[in-house]
Amino acid sequence: VNQRTGAWSATTLVLGMGFVASFTISLIVEGRATFALQNMQPWY
């Protein structure tokens, strides 16, 4: 992908698709728990 589009476009595509996939799977598997983000250290 990097050879055909450039590094930043490839990074956007790779991480964007990863976000969509992981968010969708998280909603299916964990449901509302996907949004339970309390008690997390800020730097995480």
PDB file of all heavy atoms in Angstrom:
ATOM      1  N   VAL A   1       0.850  -1.199   0.000  1.00  0.00           N
ATOM      2  CA  VAL A   1       0.000   0.000   0.000  1.00  0.00           C
ATOM      3  C   VAL A   1       0.884   1.247   0.000  1.00  0.00           C
ATOM      4  O   VAL A   1       0.631   2.201  -0.745  1.00  0.00           O
ATOM      5  CB  VAL A   1      -0.963   0.002   1.216  1.00  0.00           C
ATOM      6  CG1 VAL A   1      -1.713   1.322   1.313  1.00  0.00           C
ATOM      7  CG2 VAL A   1      -1.944  -1.162   1.124  1.00  0.00           C
ATOM      8  N   ASN A   2       1.930   1.241   0.797  1.00  0.00           N
ATOM      9  CA  ASN A   2       2.853   2.366   0.906  1.00  0.00           C
ATOM     10  C   ASN A   2       3.493   2.687  -0.442  1.00  0.00           C
ATOM     11  O   ASN A   2       3.640   3.857  -0.811  1.00  0.00           O
ATOM     12  CB  ASN A   2       3.922   2.045   1.948  1.00  0.00           C
ATOM     13  CG  ASN A   2       4.883   3.181   2.194  1.00  0.00           C
ATOM     14  OD1 ASN A   2       4.566   4.347   1.990  1.00  0.00           O
ATOM     15  ND2 ASN A   2       6.065   2.850   2.659  1.00  0.00           N
ATOM     16  N   GLN A   3       3.860   1.667  -1.206  1.00  0.00           N
ATOM     17  CA  GLN A   3       4.494   1.878  -2.515  1.00  0.00           C
ATOM     18  C   GLN A   3       3.534   2.513  -3.521  1.00  0.00           C
ATOM     19  O   GLN A   3       3.950   3.197  -4.444  1.00  0.00           O
ATOM     20  CB  GLN A   3       5.007   0.545  -3.073  1.00  0.00           C
ATOM     21  CG  GLN A   3       6.188   0.013  -2.331  1.00  0.00           C
ATOM     22  CD  GLN A   3       6.584  -1.382  -2.811  1.00  0.00           C
ATOM     23  OE1 GLN A   3       5.962  -1.956  -3.701  1.00  0.00           O
ATOM     24  NE2 GLN A   3       7.619  -1.918  -2.205  1.00  0.00           N
ATOM     25  N   ARG A   4       2.239   2.302  -3.343  1.00  0.00           N
ATOM     26  CA  ARG A   4       1.267   2.795  -4.308  1.00  0.00           C
ATOM     27  C   ARG A   4       0.608   4.112  -3.901  1.00  0.00           C
ATOM     28  O   ARG A   4       0.064   4.807  -4.740  1.00  0.00           O
ATOM     29  CB  ARG A   4       0.202   1.723  -4.545  1.00  0.00           C
ATOM     30  CG  ARG A   4       0.744   0.560  -5.355  1.00  0.00           C
ATOM     31  CD  ARG A   4      -0.106  -0.681  -5.241  1.00  0.00           C
ATOM     32  NE  ARG A   4       0.396  -1.781  -6.031  1.00  0.00           N
ATOM     33  CZ  ARG A   4       1.430  -2.544  -5.706  1.00  0.00           C
ATOM     34  NH1 ARG A   4       2.110  -2.306  -4.607  1.00  0.00           N
ATOM     35  NH2 ARG A   4       1.810  -3.539  -6.469  1.00  0.00           N
ATOM     36  N   THR A   5       0.645   4.447  -2.600  1.00  0.00           N
ATOM     37  CA  THR A   5      -0.055   5.650  -2.166  1.00  0.00           C
ATOM     38  C   THR A   5       0.822   6.649  -1.442  1.00  0.00           C
ATOM     39  O   THR A   5       0.543   7.829  -1.472  1.00  0.00           O
ATOM     40  CB  THR A   5      -1.215   5.305  -1.196  1.00  0.00           C
ATOM     41  OG1 THR A   5      -0.661   4.732  -0.014  1.00  0.00           O
ATOM     42  CG2 THR A   5      -2.202   4.355  -1.834  1.00  0.00           C
ATOM     43  N   GLY A   6       1.834   6.213  -0.737  1.00  0.00           N
ATOM     44  CA  GLY A   6       2.633   7.079   0.117  1.00  0.00           C
ATOM     45  C   GLY A   6       2.429   6.691   1.569  1.00  0.00           C
ATOM     46  O   GLY A   6       1.417   6.079   1.934  1.00  0.00           O
ATOM     47  N   ALA A   7       3.384   7.045   2.380  1.00  0.00           N
ATOM     48  CA  ALA A   7       3.419   6.586   3.767  1.00  0.00           C
ATOM     49  C   ALA A   7       2.220   7.056   4.592  1.00  0.00           C
ATOM     50  O   ALA A   7       1.620   6.271   5.323  1.00  0.00           O
ATOM     51  CB  ALA A   7       4.718   7.020   4.428  1.00  0.00           C
ATOM     52  N   TRP A   8       1.879   8.336   4.495  1.00  0.00           N
ATOM     53  CA  TRP A   8       0.792   8.839   5.338  1.00  0.00           C
ATOM     54  C   TRP A   8      -0.574   8.349   4.873  1.00  0.00           C
ATOM     55  O   TRP A   8      -1.442   8.046   5.690  1.00  0.00           O
ATOM     56  CB  TRP A   8       0.837  10.363   5.437  1.00  0.00           C
ATOM     57  CG  TRP A   8       1.983  10.778   6.313  1.00  0.00           C
ATOM     58  CD1 TRP A   8       3.153  11.346   5.911  1.00  0.00           C
ATOM     59  CD2 TRP A   8       2.081  10.596   7.730  1.00  0.00           C
ATOM     60  NE1 TRP A   8       3.973  11.530   6.994  1.00  0.00           N
ATOM     61  CE2 TRP A   8       3.348  11.087   8.128  1.00  0.00           C
ATOM     62  CE3 TRP A   8       1.241  10.071   8.706  1.00  0.00           C
ATOM     63  CZ2 TRP A   8       3.785  11.066   9.443  1.00  0.00           C
ATOM     64  CZ3 TRP A   8       1.678  10.060  10.016  1.00  0.00           C
ATOM     65  CH2 TRP A   8       2.928  10.544  10.372  1.00  0.00           C
ATOM     66  N   SER A   9      -0.754   8.227   3.581  1.00  0.00           N
ATOM     67  CA  SER A   9      -2.012   7.665   3.076  1.00  0.00           C
ATOM     68  C   SER A   9      -2.142   6.208   3.491  1.00  0.00           C
ATOM     69  O   SER A   9      -3.219   5.750   3.888  1.00  0.00           O
ATOM     70  CB  SER A   9      -2.077   7.757   1.549  1.00  0.00           C
ATOM     71  OG  SER A   9      -2.073   9.096   1.139  1.00  0.00           O
ATOM     72  N   ALA A  10      -1.054   5.477   3.385  1.00  0.00           N
ATOM     73  CA  ALA A  10      -1.064   4.064   3.781  1.00  0.00           C
ATOM     74  C   ALA A  10      -1.352   3.922   5.270  1.00  0.00           C
ATOM     75  O   ALA A  10      -2.149   3.071   5.679  1.00  0.00           O
ATOM     76  CB  ALA A  10       0.266   3.408   3.437  1.00  0.00           C
ATOM     77  N   THR A  11      -0.729   4.762   6.089  1.00  0.00           N
ATOM     78  CA  THR A  11      -0.964   4.714   7.534  1.00  0.00           C
ATOM     79  C   THR A  11      -2.416   5.011   7.845  1.00  0.00           C
ATOM     80  O   THR A  11      -3.048   4.328   8.665  1.00  0.00           O
ATOM     81  CB  THR A  11      -0.038   5.719   8.261  1.00  0.00           C
ATOM     82  OG1 THR A  11       1.323   5.381   7.970  1.00  0.00           O
ATOM     83  CG2 THR A  11      -0.256   5.689   9.759  1.00  0.00           C
ATOM     84  N   THR A  12      -2.973   6.009   7.181  1.00  0.00           N
ATOM     85  CA  THR A  12      -4.380   6.355   7.388  1.00  0.00           C
ATOM     86  C   THR A  12      -5.285   5.199   6.996  1.00  0.00           C
ATOM     87  O   THR A  12      -6.205   4.835   7.741  1.00  0.00           O
ATOM     88  CB  THR A  12      -4.738   7.617   6.568  1.00  0.00           C
ATOM     89  OG1 THR A  12      -3.884   8.689   6.966  1.00  0.00           O
ATOM     90  CG2 THR A  12      -6.188   8.008   6.769  1.00  0.00           C
ATOM     91  N   LEU A  13      -5.011   4.607   5.851  1.00  0.00           N
ATOM     92  CA  LEU A  13      -5.824   3.484   5.379  1.00  0.00           C
ATOM     93  C   LEU A  13      -5.718   2.290   6.324  1.00  0.00           C
ATOM     94  O   LEU A  13      -6.734   1.720   6.742  1.00  0.00           O
ATOM     95  CB  LEU A  13      -5.379   3.080   3.970  1.00  0.00           C
ATOM     96  CG  LEU A  13      -6.119   1.902   3.349  1.00  0.00           C
ATOM     97  CD1 LEU A  13      -7.584   2.264   3.108  1.00  0.00           C
ATOM     98  CD2 LEU A  13      -5.462   1.492   2.049  1.00  0.00           C
ATOM     99  N   VAL A  14      -4.505   1.930   6.700  1.00  0.00           N
ATOM    100  CA  VAL A  14      -4.278   0.765   7.560  1.00  0.00           C
ATOM    101  C   VAL A  14      -4.936   0.956   8.925  1.00  0.00           C
ATOM    102  O   VAL A  14      -5.689   0.092   9.397  1.00  0.00           O
ATOM    103  CB  VAL A  14      -2.760   0.512   7.727  1.00  0.00           C
ATOM    104  CG1 VAL A  14      -2.463  -0.443   8.860  1.00  0.00           C
ATOM    105  CG2 VAL A  14      -2.165   0.004   6.425  1.00  0.00           C
ATOM    106  N   LEU A  15      -4.671   2.079   9.560  1.00  0.00           N
ATOM    107  CA  LEU A  15      -5.219   2.297  10.901  1.00  0.00           C
ATOM    108  C   LEU A  15      -6.715   2.596  10.853  1.00  0.00           C
ATOM    109  O   LEU A  15      -7.453   2.219  11.768  1.00  0.00           O
ATOM    110  CB  LEU A  15      -4.451   3.406  11.621  1.00  0.00           C
ATOM    111  CG  LEU A  15      -2.992   3.054  11.927  1.00  0.00           C
ATOM    112  CD1 LEU A  15      -2.276   4.240  12.558  1.00  0.00           C
ATOM    113  CD2 LEU A  15      -2.881   1.832  12.801  1.00  0.00           C
ATOM    114  N   GLY A  16      -7.181   3.247   9.794  1.00  0.00           N
ATOM    115  CA  GLY A  16      -8.616   3.503   9.653  1.00  0.00           C
ATOM    116  C   GLY A  16      -9.400   2.211   9.490  1.00  0.00           C
ATOM    117  O   GLY A  16     -10.431   2.005  10.145  1.00  0.00           O
ATOM    118  N   MET A  17      -8.901   1.321   8.650  1.00  0.00           N
ATOM    119  CA  MET A  17      -9.570   0.029   8.474  1.00  0.00           C
ATOM    120  C   MET A  17      -9.495  -0.794   9.756  1.00  0.00           C
ATOM    121  O   MET A  17     -10.444  -1.498  10.110  1.00  0.00           O
ATOM    122  CB  MET A  17      -8.962  -0.733   7.305  1.00  0.00           C
ATOM    123  CG  MET A  17      -9.303  -0.119   5.964  1.00  0.00           C
ATOM    124  SD  MET A  17      -8.591  -0.990   4.562  1.00  0.00           S
ATOM    125  CE  MET A  17      -9.460  -2.536   4.655  1.00  0.00           C
ATOM    126  N   GLY A  18      -8.359  -0.698  10.450  1.00  0.00           N
ATOM    127  CA  GLY A  18      -8.222  -1.397  11.727  1.00  0.00           C
ATOM    128  C   GLY A  18      -9.214  -0.883  12.753  1.00  0.00           C
ATOM    129  O   GLY A  18      -9.805  -1.659  13.512  1.00  0.00           O
ATOM    130  N   PHE A  19      -9.422   0.435  12.768  1.00  0.00           N
ATOM    131  CA  PHE A  19     -10.395   1.016  13.685  1.00  0.00           C
ATOM    132  C   PHE A  19     -11.800   0.506  13.381  1.00  0.00           C
ATOM    133  O   PHE A  19     -12.523   0.073  14.279  1.00  0.00           O
ATOM    134  CB  PHE A  19     -10.373   2.544  13.618  1.00  0.00           C
ATOM    135  CG  PHE A  19     -11.540   3.173  14.328  1.00  0.00           C
ATOM    136  CD1 PHE A  19     -11.563   3.237  15.710  1.00  0.00           C
ATOM    137  CD2 PHE A  19     -12.627   3.659  13.619  1.00  0.00           C
ATOM    138  CE1 PHE A  19     -12.655   3.788  16.379  1.00  0.00           C
ATOM    139  CE2 PHE A  19     -13.718   4.202  14.268  1.00  0.00           C
ATOM    140  CZ  PHE A  19     -13.735   4.276  15.657  1.00  0.00           C
ATOM    141  N   VAL A  20     -12.193   0.569  12.122  1.00  0.00           N
ATOM    142  CA  VAL A  20     -13.538   0.133  11.740  1.00  0.00           C
ATOM    143  C   VAL A  20     -13.741  -1.338  12.100  1.00  0.00           C
ATOM    144  O   VAL A  20     -14.763  -1.715  12.686  1.00  0.00           O
ATOM    145  CB  VAL A  20     -13.791   0.377  10.229  1.00  0.00           C
ATOM    146  CG1 VAL A  20     -15.070  -0.300   9.772  1.00  0.00           C
ATOM    147  CG2 VAL A  20     -13.830   1.869   9.937  1.00  0.00           C
ATOM    148  N   ALA A  21     -12.750  -2.174  11.790  1.00  0.00           N
ATOM    149  CA  ALA A  21     -12.868  -3.608  12.077  1.00  0.00           C
ATOM    150  C   ALA A  21     -12.925  -3.874  13.575  1.00  0.00           C
ATOM    151  O   ALA A  21     -13.803  -4.610  14.058  1.00  0.00           O
ATOM    152  CB  ALA A  21     -11.703  -4.362  11.447  1.00  0.00           C
ATOM    153  N   SER A  22     -12.006  -3.277  14.339  1.00  0.00           N
ATOM    154  CA  SER A  22     -11.984  -3.554  15.776  1.00  0.00           C
ATOM    155  C   SER A  22     -13.197  -2.967  16.488  1.00  0.00           C
ATOM    156  O   SER A  22     -13.741  -3.583  17.412  1.00  0.00           O
ATOM    157  CB  SER A  22     -10.684  -3.049  16.416  1.00  0.00           C
ATOM    158  OG  SER A  22     -10.567  -1.656  16.268  1.00  0.00           O
ATOM    159  N   PHE A  23     -13.653  -1.805  16.051  1.00  0.00           N
ATOM    160  CA  PHE A  23     -14.837  -1.199  16.664  1.00  0.00           C
ATOM    161  C   PHE A  23     -16.079  -2.058  16.403  1.00  0.00           C
ATOM    162  O   PHE A  23     -16.861  -2.327  17.312  1.00  0.00           O
ATOM    163  CB  PHE A  23     -15.038   0.221  16.123  1.00  0.00           C
ATOM    164  CG  PHE A  23     -16.142   0.979  16.797  1.00  0.00           C
ATOM    165  CD1 PHE A  23     -16.055   1.320  18.139  1.00  0.00           C
ATOM    166  CD2 PHE A  23     -17.277   1.354  16.093  1.00  0.00           C
ATOM    167  CE1 PHE A  23     -17.075   2.024  18.768  1.00  0.00           C
ATOM    168  CE2 PHE A  23     -18.301   2.051  16.711  1.00  0.00           C
ATOM    169  CZ  PHE A  23     -18.197   2.387  18.055  1.00  0.00           C
ATOM    170  N   THR A  24     -16.209  -2.530  15.179  1.00  0.00           N
ATOM    171  CA  THR A  24     -17.360  -3.378  14.828  1.00  0.00           C
ATOM    172  C   THR A  24     -17.340  -4.683  15.622  1.00  0.00           C
ATOM    173  O   THR A  24     -18.350  -5.090  16.211  1.00  0.00           O
ATOM    174  CB  THR A  24     -17.363  -3.678  13.310  1.00  0.00           C
ATOM    175  OG1 THR A  24     -17.405  -2.435  12.604  1.00  0.00           O
ATOM    176  CG2 THR A  24     -18.540  -4.540  12.920  1.00  0.00           C
ATOM    177  N   ILE A  25     -16.189  -5.334  15.662  1.00  0.00           N
ATOM    178  CA  ILE A  25     -16.075  -6.595  16.399  1.00  0.00           C
ATOM    179  C   ILE A  25     -16.293  -6.371  17.890  1.00  0.00           C
ATOM    180  O   ILE A  25     -16.957  -7.163  18.560  1.00  0.00           O
ATOM    181  CB  ILE A  25     -14.719  -7.270  16.117  1.00  0.00           C
ATOM    182  CG1 ILE A  25     -14.664  -7.703  14.647  1.00  0.00           C
ATOM    183  CG2 ILE A  25     -14.484  -8.460  17.045  1.00  0.00           C
ATOM    184  CD1 ILE A  25     -13.287  -8.111  14.169  1.00  0.00           C
ATOM    185  N   SER A  26     -15.770  -5.270  18.420  1.00  0.00           N
ATOM    186  CA  SER A  26     -15.972  -4.953  19.833  1.00  0.00           C
ATOM    187  C   SER A  26     -17.447  -4.775  20.157  1.00  0.00           C
ATOM    188  O   SER A  26     -17.937  -5.261  21.182  1.00  0.00           O
ATOM    189  CB  SER A  26     -15.198  -3.685  20.206  1.00  0.00           C
ATOM    190  OG  SER A  26     -15.407  -3.357  21.556  1.00  0.00           O
ATOM    191  N   LEU A  27     -18.175  -4.078  19.292  1.00  0.00           N
ATOM    192  CA  LEU A  27     -19.610  -3.896  19.512  1.00  0.00           C
ATOM    193  C   LEU A  27     -20.349  -5.234  19.485  1.00  0.00           C
ATOM    194  O   LEU A  27     -21.261  -5.473  20.285  1.00  0.00           O
ATOM    195  CB  LEU A  27     -20.208  -2.950  18.480  1.00  0.00           C
ATOM    196  CG  LEU A  27     -19.853  -1.473  18.642  1.00  0.00           C
ATOM    197  CD1 LEU A  27     -20.390  -0.670  17.464  1.00  0.00           C
ATOM    198  CD2 LEU A  27     -20.372  -0.923  19.957  1.00  0.00           C
ATOM    199  N   ILE A  28     -19.945  -6.116  18.589  1.00  0.00           N
ATOM    200  CA  ILE A  28     -20.590  -7.428  18.486  1.00  0.00           C
ATOM    201  C   ILE A  28     -20.265  -8.288  19.707  1.00  0.00           C
ATOM    202  O   ILE A  28     -21.149  -8.911  20.293  1.00  0.00           O
ATOM    203  CB  ILE A  28     -20.155  -8.140  17.184  1.00  0.00           C
ATOM    204  CG1 ILE A  28     -20.725  -7.397  15.964  1.00  0.00           C
ATOM    205  CG2 ILE A  28     -20.592  -9.607  17.184  1.00  0.00           C
ATOM    206  CD1 ILE A  28     -20.119  -7.831  14.643  1.00  0.00           C
ATOM    207  N   VAL A  29     -19.006  -8.309  20.101  1.00  0.00           N
ATOM    208  CA  VAL A  29     -18.565  -9.201  21.181  1.00  0.00           C
ATOM    209  C   VAL A  29     -18.837  -8.623  22.567  1.00  0.00           C
ATOM    210  O   VAL A  29     -19.315  -9.330  23.456  1.00  0.00           O
ATOM    211  CB  VAL A  29     -17.062  -9.531  21.026  1.00  0.00           C
ATOM    212  CG1 VAL A  29     -16.535 -10.322  22.203  1.00  0.00           C
ATOM    213  CG2 VAL A  29     -16.820 -10.277  19.723  1.00  0.00           C
ATOM    214  N   GLU A  30     -18.538  -7.336  22.769  1.00  0.00           N
ATOM    215  CA  GLU A  30     -18.627  -6.745  24.098  1.00  0.00           C
ATOM    216  C   GLU A  30     -19.834  -5.843  24.293  1.00  0.00           C
ATOM    217  O   GLU A  30     -20.130  -5.454  25.424  1.00  0.00           O
ATOM    218  CB  GLU A  30     -17.343  -5.962  24.393  1.00  0.00           C
ATOM    219  CG  GLU A  30     -16.108  -6.853  24.417  1.00  0.00           C
ATOM    220  CD  GLU A  30     -14.826  -6.077  24.645  1.00  0.00           C
ATOM    221  OE1 GLU A  30     -14.861  -4.825  24.658  1.00  0.00           O
ATOM    222  OE2 GLU A  30     -13.788  -6.726  24.793  1.00  0.00           O
ATOM    223  N   GLY A  31     -20.476  -5.466  23.221  1.00  0.00           N
ATOM    224  CA  GLY A  31     -21.656  -4.616  23.333  1.00  0.00           C
ATOM    225  C   GLY A  31     -21.339  -3.280  23.982  1.00  0.00           C
ATOM    226  O   GLY A  31     -20.355  -2.627  23.645  1.00  0.00           O
ATOM    227  N   ARG A  32     -22.167  -2.901  24.959  1.00  0.00           N
ATOM    228  CA  ARG A  32     -22.002  -1.597  25.620  1.00  0.00           C
ATOM    229  C   ARG A  32     -20.697  -1.484  26.410  1.00  0.00           C
ATOM    230  O   ARG A  32     -20.233  -0.384  26.681  1.00  0.00           O
ATOM    231  CB  ARG A  32     -23.174  -1.342  26.556  1.00  0.00           C
ATOM    232  CG  ARG A  32     -24.440  -1.057  25.822  1.00  0.00           C
ATOM    233  CD  ARG A  32     -25.530  -0.741  26.792  1.00  0.00           C
ATOM    234  NE  ARG A  32     -26.477   0.136  26.121  1.00  0.00           N
ATOM    235  CZ  ARG A  32     -27.442   0.737  26.718  1.00  0.00           C
ATOM    236  NH1 ARG A  32     -27.619   0.584  28.020  1.00  0.00           N
ATOM    237  NH2 ARG A  32     -28.259   1.506  26.033  1.00  0.00           N
ATOM    238  N   ALA A  33     -20.123  -2.609  26.786  1.00  0.00           N
ATOM    239  CA  ALA A  33     -18.855  -2.574  27.524  1.00  0.00           C
ATOM    240  C   ALA A  33     -17.745  -1.931  26.697  1.00  0.00           C
ATOM    241  O   ALA A  33     -16.721  -1.509  27.245  1.00  0.00           O
ATOM    242  CB  ALA A  33     -18.449  -3.987  27.946  1.00  0.00           C
ATOM    243  N   THR A  34     -17.943  -1.834  25.397  1.00  0.00           N
ATOM    244  CA  THR A  34     -16.979  -1.154  24.528  1.00  0.00           C
ATOM    245  C   THR A  34     -16.725   0.269  25.009  1.00  0.00           C
ATOM    246  O   THR A  34     -15.613   0.787  24.889  1.00  0.00           O
ATOM    247  CB  THR A  34     -17.514  -1.119  23.075  1.00  0.00           C
ATOM    248  OG1 THR A  34     -17.641  -2.458  22.612  1.00  0.00           O
ATOM    249  CG2 THR A  34     -16.601  -0.347  22.156  1.00  0.00           C
ATOM    250  N   PHE A  35     -17.743   0.891  25.576  1.00  0.00           N
ATOM    251  CA  PHE A  35     -17.642   2.289  25.978  1.00  0.00           C
ATOM    252  C   PHE A  35     -17.299   2.477  27.459  1.00  0.00           C
ATOM    253  O   PHE A  35     -17.255   3.610  27.936  1.00  0.00           O
ATOM    254  CB  PHE A  35     -18.951   3.017  25.645  1.00  0.00           C
ATOM    255  CG  PHE A  35     -19.316   2.881  24.196  1.00  0.00           C
ATOM    256  CD1 PHE A  35     -20.295   1.997  23.782  1.00  0.00           C
ATOM    257  CD2 PHE A  35     -18.643   3.618  23.227  1.00  0.00           C
ATOM    258  CE1 PHE A  35     -20.617   1.855  22.440  1.00  0.00           C
ATOM    259  CE2 PHE A  35     -18.958   3.480  21.882  1.00  0.00           C
ATOM    260  CZ  PHE A  35     -19.940   2.603  21.486  1.00  0.00           C
ATOM    261  N   ALA A  36     -17.041   1.399  28.183  1.00  0.00           N
ATOM    262  CA  ALA A  36     -16.692   1.478  29.613  1.00  0.00           C
ATOM    263  C   ALA A  36     -15.192   1.702  29.733  1.00  0.00           C
ATOM    264  O   ALA A  36     -14.412   0.758  29.791  1.00  0.00           O
ATOM    265  CB  ALA A  36     -17.120   0.202  30.331  1.00  0.00           C
ATOM    266  N   LEU A  37     -14.803   2.954  29.762  1.00  0.00           N
ATOM    267  CA  LEU A  37     -13.383   3.296  29.737  1.00  0.00           C
ATOM    268  C   LEU A  37     -12.907   3.988  31.019  1.00  0.00           C
ATOM    269  O   LEU A  37     -11.846   4.613  31.025  1.00  0.00           O
ATOM    270  CB  LEU A  37     -13.098   4.199  28.532  1.00  0.00           C
ATOM    271  CG  LEU A  37     -13.470   3.610  27.170  1.00  0.00           C
ATOM    272  CD1 LEU A  37     -13.260   4.644  26.073  1.00  0.00           C
ATOM    273  CD2 LEU A  37     -12.686   2.350  26.879  1.00  0.00           C
ATOM    274  N   GLN A  38     -13.693   3.902  32.077  1.00  0.00           N
ATOM    275  CA  GLN A  38     -13.300   4.566  33.309  1.00  0.00           C
ATOM    276  C   GLN A  38     -12.139   3.824  33.978  1.00  0.00           C
ATOM    277  O   GLN A  38     -11.813   2.715  33.627  1.00  0.00           O
ATOM    278  CB  GLN A  38     -14.495   4.719  34.273  1.00  0.00           C
ATOM    279  CG  GLN A  38     -15.261   3.460  34.575  1.00  0.00           C
ATOM    280  CD  GLN A  38     -16.318   3.121  33.547  1.00  0.00           C
ATOM    281  OE1 GLN A  38     -16.042   3.149  32.369  1.00  0.00           O
ATOM    282  NE2 GLN A  38     -17.496   2.779  33.973  1.00  0.00           N
ATOM    283  N   ASN A  39     -11.539   4.491  34.935  1.00  0.00           N
ATOM    284  CA  ASN A  39     -10.415   3.942  35.709  1.00  0.00           C
ATOM    285  C   ASN A  39      -9.198   3.606  34.841  1.00  0.00           C
ATOM    286  O   ASN A  39      -8.478   2.668  35.117  1.00  0.00           O
ATOM    287  CB  ASN A  39     -10.844   2.697  36.504  1.00  0.00           C
ATOM    288  CG  ASN A  39     -11.963   3.005  37.466  1.00  0.00           C
ATOM    289  OD1 ASN A  39     -12.010   4.088  38.051  1.00  0.00           O
ATOM    290  ND2 ASN A  39     -12.878   2.081  37.623  1.00  0.00           N
ATOM    291  N   MET A  40      -8.998   4.374  33.791  1.00  0.00           N
ATOM    292  CA  MET A  40      -7.843   4.162  32.936  1.00  0.00           C
ATOM    293  C   MET A  40      -6.880   5.338  33.128  1.00  0.00           C
ATOM    294  O   MET A  40      -7.308   6.481  33.194  1.00  0.00           O
ATOM    295  CB  MET A  40      -8.266   4.057  31.469  1.00  0.00           C
ATOM    296  CG  MET A  40      -7.139   3.588  30.598  1.00  0.00           C
ATOM    297  SD  MET A  40      -7.552   3.076  28.911  1.00  0.00           S
ATOM    298  CE  MET A  40      -8.913   4.047  28.442  1.00  0.00           C
ATOM    299  N   GLN A  41      -5.589   5.011  33.220  1.00  0.00           N
ATOM    300  CA  GLN A  41      -4.590   6.062  33.359  1.00  0.00           C
ATOM    301  C   GLN A  41      -4.632   6.968  32.124  1.00  0.00           C
ATOM    302  O   GLN A  41      -4.743   6.461  30.995  1.00  0.00           O
ATOM    303  CB  GLN A  41      -3.192   5.453  33.502  1.00  0.00           C
ATOM    304  CG  GLN A  41      -3.008   4.629  34.747  1.00  0.00           C
ATOM    305  CD  GLN A  41      -3.035   5.486  36.009  1.00  0.00           C
ATOM    306  OE1 GLN A  41      -2.810   6.698  35.964  1.00  0.00           O
ATOM    307  NE2 GLN A  41      -3.329   4.865  37.134  1.00  0.00           N
ATOM    308  N   PRO A  42      -4.522   8.280  32.282  1.00  0.00           N
ATOM    309  CA  PRO A  42      -4.642   9.206  31.146  1.00  0.00           C
ATOM    310  C   PRO A  42      -3.639   8.940  30.016  1.00  0.00           C
ATOM    311  O   PRO A  42      -3.976   9.076  28.847  1.00  0.00           O
ATOM    312  CB  PRO A  42      -4.387  10.583  31.764  1.00  0.00           C
ATOM    313  CG  PRO A  42      -4.672  10.421  33.211  1.00  0.00           C
ATOM    314  CD  PRO A  42      -4.377   8.989  33.552  1.00  0.00           C
ATOM    315  N   TRP A  43      -2.421   8.531  30.350  1.00  0.00           N
ATOM    316  CA  TRP A  43      -1.427   8.345  29.298  1.00  0.00           C
ATOM    317  C   TRP A  43      -1.713   7.124  28.428  1.00  0.00           C
ATOM    318  O   TRP A  43      -1.177   7.001  27.340  1.00  0.00           O
ATOM    319  CB  TRP A  43      -0.002   8.293  29.846  1.00  0.00           C
ATOM    320  CG  TRP A  43       0.255   7.209  30.843  1.00  0.00           C
ATOM    321  CD1 TRP A  43       0.515   5.898  30.572  1.00  0.00           C
ATOM    322  CD2 TRP A  43       0.275   7.340  32.250  1.00  0.00           C
ATOM    323  NE1 TRP A  43       0.690   5.205  31.734  1.00  0.00           N
ATOM    324  CE2 TRP A  43       0.561   6.065  32.787  1.00  0.00           C
ATOM    325  CE3 TRP A  43       0.093   8.399  33.131  1.00  0.00           C
ATOM    326  CZ2 TRP A  43       0.656   5.835  34.148  1.00  0.00           C
ATOM    327  CZ3 TRP A  43       0.196   8.154  34.481  1.00  0.00           C
ATOM    328  CH2 TRP A  43       0.473   6.896  34.980  1.00  0.00           C
ATOM    329  N   TYR A  44      -2.559   6.225  28.869  1.00  0.00           N
ATOM    330  CA  TYR A  44      -2.905   5.075  28.036  1.00  0.00           C
ATOM    331  C   TYR A  44      -3.740   5.493  26.825  1.00  0.00           C
ATOM    332  O   TYR A  44      -3.835   4.753  25.853  1.00  0.00           O
ATOM    333  CB  TYR A  44      -3.653   4.016  28.837  1.00  0.00           C
ATOM    334  CG  TYR A  44      -2.803   3.352  29.902  1.00  0.00           C
ATOM    335  CD1 TYR A  44      -3.380   2.771  31.011  1.00  0.00           C
ATOM    336  CD2 TYR A  44      -1.418   3.285  29.796  1.00  0.00           C
ATOM    337  CE1 TYR A  44      -2.622   2.155  31.983  1.00  0.00           C
ATOM    338  CE2 TYR A  44      -0.646   2.681  30.769  1.00  0.00           C
ATOM    339  CZ  TYR A  44      -1.252   2.110  31.855  1.00  0.00           C
ATOM    340  OH  TYR A  44      -0.495   1.502  32.814  1.00  0.00           O
TER     341      TYR A  44
END
